[in-house]
N, C-alpha and C. Protein backbone atom coordinates (compact mmCIF):
# COMPACT_ATOMS: atom_id res chain seq x y z
N UNK A 1 -20.19 -24.43 21.45
CA UNK A 1 -20.11 -24.01 19.31
C UNK A 1 -20.85 -22.33 19.19
N UNK A 2 -20.10 -22.75 17.86
CA UNK A 2 -20.15 -20.91 17.30
C UNK A 2 -21.58 -21.19 16.31
N UNK A 3 -21.91 -19.69 16.50
CA UNK A 3 -23.23 -20.08 15.93
C UNK A 3 -23.33 -19.53 14.70
N UNK A 4 -23.61 -19.99 13.56
CA UNK A 4 -23.94 -19.20 12.26
C UNK A 4 -23.36 -17.58 11.81
N UNK A 5 -24.23 -16.89 12.10
CA UNK A 5 -23.68 -15.33 12.22
C UNK A 5 -22.28 -14.88 12.13
N UNK A 6 -22.07 -15.97 13.40
CA UNK A 6 -20.05 -15.35 13.74
C UNK A 6 -19.26 -15.97 12.99
N UNK A 7 -19.75 -17.35 12.46
CA UNK A 7 -18.79 -18.07 11.36
C UNK A 7 -19.05 -17.34 10.27
N UNK A 8 -20.16 -16.85 9.69
CA UNK A 8 -19.81 -16.26 8.42
C UNK A 8 -18.92 -14.84 8.99
N UNK A 9 -19.29 -14.25 10.26
CA UNK A 9 -18.21 -12.48 10.19
C UNK A 9 -17.30 -13.32 9.98
N UNK A 10 -16.57 -14.40 10.51
CA UNK A 10 -15.31 -14.59 10.65
C UNK A 10 -14.40 -15.78 9.04
N UNK A 11 -15.30 -15.85 8.47
CA UNK A 11 -15.08 -16.17 7.14
C UNK A 11 -15.04 -14.84 6.75
N UNK A 12 -15.95 -13.31 6.71
CA UNK A 12 -15.48 -12.20 5.69
C UNK A 12 -14.20 -11.41 5.90
N UNK A 13 -13.83 -11.59 7.10
CA UNK A 13 -12.90 -11.03 8.05
C UNK A 13 -11.59 -12.33 7.63
N UNK A 14 -11.61 -13.23 7.07
CA UNK A 14 -10.94 -14.02 6.51
C UNK A 14 -10.67 -13.34 5.01
N UNK A 15 -11.73 -13.60 4.79
CA UNK A 15 -11.29 -12.65 2.83
C UNK A 15 -10.77 -11.24 3.25
N UNK A 16 -11.08 -10.86 4.23
CA UNK A 16 -10.95 -9.10 4.46
C UNK A 16 -9.57 -9.17 4.39
N UNK A 17 -8.99 -10.36 4.82
CA UNK A 17 -7.63 -10.36 5.40
C UNK A 17 -6.78 -10.20 4.13
N UNK A 18 -7.33 -11.85 3.09
CA UNK A 18 -6.45 -12.10 2.40
C UNK A 18 -6.61 -10.84 1.24
N UNK A 19 -7.47 -10.35 0.98
CA UNK A 19 -7.87 -8.99 -0.50
C UNK A 19 -6.24 -8.59 0.30
N UNK A 20 -5.88 -7.92 1.54
CA UNK A 20 -5.41 -6.92 2.04
C UNK A 20 -4.29 -7.38 1.93
N UNK A 21 -3.78 -8.26 2.23
CA UNK A 21 -1.87 -8.73 2.10
C UNK A 21 -2.22 -8.85 0.03
N UNK A 22 -3.04 -9.66 0.12
CA UNK A 22 -2.86 -9.49 -1.98
C UNK A 22 -2.84 -8.24 -2.16
N UNK A 23 -3.47 -6.62 -1.72
CA UNK A 23 -2.80 -5.29 -2.10
C UNK A 23 -1.38 -5.17 -1.66
N UNK A 24 -1.11 -5.51 0.04
CA UNK A 24 0.20 -5.18 0.30
C UNK A 24 0.71 -5.49 -0.79
N UNK A 25 1.26 -6.49 -0.97
CA UNK A 25 2.21 -7.48 -1.80
C UNK A 25 2.19 -6.36 -3.25
N UNK A 26 1.23 -6.36 -3.93
CA UNK A 26 0.59 -5.48 -5.14
C UNK A 26 1.50 -4.05 -5.16
N UNK A 27 0.86 -3.24 -3.66
CA UNK A 27 1.93 -2.19 -3.32
C UNK A 27 3.50 -2.28 -3.72
N UNK A 28 3.94 -3.11 -2.77
CA UNK A 28 5.55 -2.99 -2.84
C UNK A 28 5.69 -3.71 -4.35
N UNK A 29 5.05 -4.99 -4.99
CA UNK A 29 5.36 -4.25 -6.99
C UNK A 29 5.42 -3.35 -7.56
N UNK A 30 4.50 -2.88 -7.04
CA UNK A 30 4.25 -1.45 -8.00
C UNK A 30 4.89 -0.18 -7.69
N UNK A 31 5.94 -0.22 -6.51
CA UNK A 31 6.82 0.37 -5.87
C UNK A 31 7.51 0.18 -6.19
N UNK A 32 8.11 -0.82 -6.90
CA UNK A 32 9.57 -1.40 -6.94
C UNK A 32 9.70 -1.19 -8.67
N UNK A 33 8.74 -1.33 -9.27
CA UNK A 33 8.38 -0.63 -10.33
C UNK A 33 8.50 0.43 -11.02
N UNK A 34 7.86 0.96 -10.24
CA UNK A 34 8.07 2.65 -10.37
C UNK A 34 9.38 2.74 -10.67
N UNK A 35 10.16 2.58 -9.46
CA UNK A 35 11.48 3.09 -9.17
C UNK A 35 12.28 2.33 -10.04
N UNK A 36 12.18 0.93 -10.38
CA UNK A 36 12.87 1.00 -11.93
C UNK A 36 12.64 1.46 -13.18
N UNK A 37 11.45 2.52 -13.62
CA UNK A 37 11.27 3.03 -14.30
C UNK A 37 11.59 4.43 -14.34
N UNK A 38 12.54 4.92 -13.35
CA UNK A 38 12.66 6.21 -12.86
C UNK A 38 14.35 5.40 -12.82
N UNK A 39 14.28 4.77 -12.42
CA UNK A 39 16.22 4.59 -13.73
C UNK A 39 16.10 3.86 -15.17
N UNK A 40 15.44 3.48 -15.22
CA UNK A 40 14.96 4.24 -17.07
C UNK A 40 15.04 5.11 -17.97
N UNK A 41 14.14 5.89 -17.27
CA UNK A 41 14.13 6.78 -17.64
C UNK A 41 15.22 7.96 -17.27
N UNK A 42 15.55 8.10 -16.52
CA UNK A 42 16.44 10.10 -16.32
C UNK A 42 17.77 8.96 -15.74
N UNK A 43 18.81 10.15 -16.37
CA UNK A 43 19.82 9.34 -16.03
C UNK A 43 20.04 9.23 -14.38
N UNK A 44 21.89 8.58 -14.28
CA UNK A 44 22.09 8.62 -12.65
C UNK A 44 22.02 9.75 -12.15
N UNK A 45 22.93 10.79 -12.69
CA UNK A 45 22.87 12.34 -11.65
C UNK A 45 21.65 12.48 -10.88
N UNK A 46 20.64 12.06 -11.95
CA UNK A 46 19.05 12.88 -11.43
C UNK A 46 18.48 11.76 -11.20
N UNK A 47 18.66 10.21 -10.75
CA UNK A 47 17.98 9.06 -9.98
C UNK A 47 17.67 9.42 -8.55
N UNK A 48 18.01 10.28 -7.71
CA UNK A 48 18.24 10.26 -5.84
C UNK A 48 16.73 11.21 -6.24
N UNK A 49 17.27 12.16 -7.14
CA UNK A 49 16.16 13.45 -6.79
C UNK A 49 14.45 12.97 -6.78
N UNK A 50 14.87 12.50 -8.01
CA UNK A 50 12.75 11.48 -8.60
C UNK A 50 13.23 10.54 -7.05
N UNK A 51 13.42 10.07 -7.01
CA UNK A 51 13.68 8.46 -5.69
C UNK A 51 12.96 9.34 -4.90
N UNK A 52 13.70 10.50 -3.81
CA UNK A 52 12.85 11.11 -3.06
C UNK A 52 11.62 11.75 -3.05
N UNK A 53 11.46 12.55 -4.91
CA UNK A 53 10.29 12.82 -4.76
C UNK A 53 8.55 12.44 -4.54
N UNK A 54 9.44 11.03 -5.40
CA UNK A 54 8.58 9.79 -5.31
C UNK A 54 8.11 9.19 -3.99
N UNK A 55 9.37 9.24 -3.26
CA UNK A 55 9.09 8.17 -2.06
C UNK A 55 8.15 9.53 -1.11
N UNK A 56 8.59 10.85 -1.21
CA UNK A 56 7.58 11.80 -0.30
C UNK A 56 6.26 12.00 -0.56
N UNK A 57 6.30 11.29 -1.79
CA UNK A 57 4.75 11.63 -2.22
C UNK A 57 4.22 10.80 -1.80
N UNK A 58 4.84 8.92 -1.99
CA UNK A 58 4.01 8.15 -1.32
C UNK A 58 3.94 8.51 0.19
N UNK A 59 4.84 8.45 0.84
CA UNK A 59 3.76 9.32 2.58
C UNK A 59 3.61 10.12 2.45
N UNK A 60 3.72 10.72 2.31
CA UNK A 60 2.58 12.31 2.11
C UNK A 60 1.22 11.88 1.77
N UNK A 61 0.79 10.84 0.80
CA UNK A 61 -0.72 9.71 0.57
C UNK A 61 -1.02 9.12 1.59
N UNK A 62 0.43 8.28 1.95
CA UNK A 62 0.14 7.32 2.93
C UNK A 62 -0.42 8.34 4.48
N UNK A 63 0.30 8.87 5.19
CA UNK A 63 -0.11 10.12 6.80
C UNK A 63 -1.36 10.66 5.72
N UNK A 64 -2.55 11.18 4.75
CA UNK A 64 -2.80 11.65 4.49
C UNK A 64 -4.44 10.09 4.71
N UNK A 65 -4.29 9.01 4.62
CA UNK A 65 -4.79 7.88 4.40
C UNK A 65 -4.91 7.46 5.76
N UNK A 66 -3.51 7.35 6.55
CA UNK A 66 -3.90 6.94 8.02
C UNK A 66 -4.39 7.64 8.92
N UNK A 67 -4.85 9.86 8.53
CA UNK A 67 -5.18 10.48 9.74
C UNK A 67 -6.58 10.01 9.13
N UNK A 68 -7.35 9.93 7.38
CA UNK A 68 -8.81 10.22 7.67
C UNK A 68 -8.96 8.72 7.45
N UNK A 69 -8.43 7.91 7.70
CA UNK A 69 -9.46 6.50 8.24
C UNK A 69 -9.10 6.22 9.35
N UNK A 70 -7.98 6.65 9.81
CA UNK A 70 -7.77 5.64 11.11
C UNK A 70 -8.02 5.88 12.56
N UNK A 71 -7.41 7.20 12.50
CA UNK A 71 -7.59 8.32 13.47
C UNK A 71 -8.58 9.11 13.92
N UNK A 72 -9.55 9.49 12.43
CA UNK A 72 -10.83 9.79 12.82
C UNK A 72 -12.02 9.21 13.44
N UNK A 73 -10.92 7.87 13.67
CA UNK A 73 -12.47 6.73 13.66
C UNK A 73 -12.67 6.63 15.12
């Protein structure tokens, strides 16, 4: 049988995983909304440039966070 402290750990881990899932869904929605915003604000000729710059910025931030939080542990 699992003791009380172990059950609390599982409960908080489950809450953390659910919160991370919601955050991931929110990030995809935000990314999609920003892409639509770029499409509305800029003419079709300049959209690929701004899409590329935005994607590059997201990639740079992601690499930085992965390096800082995951690799250094």
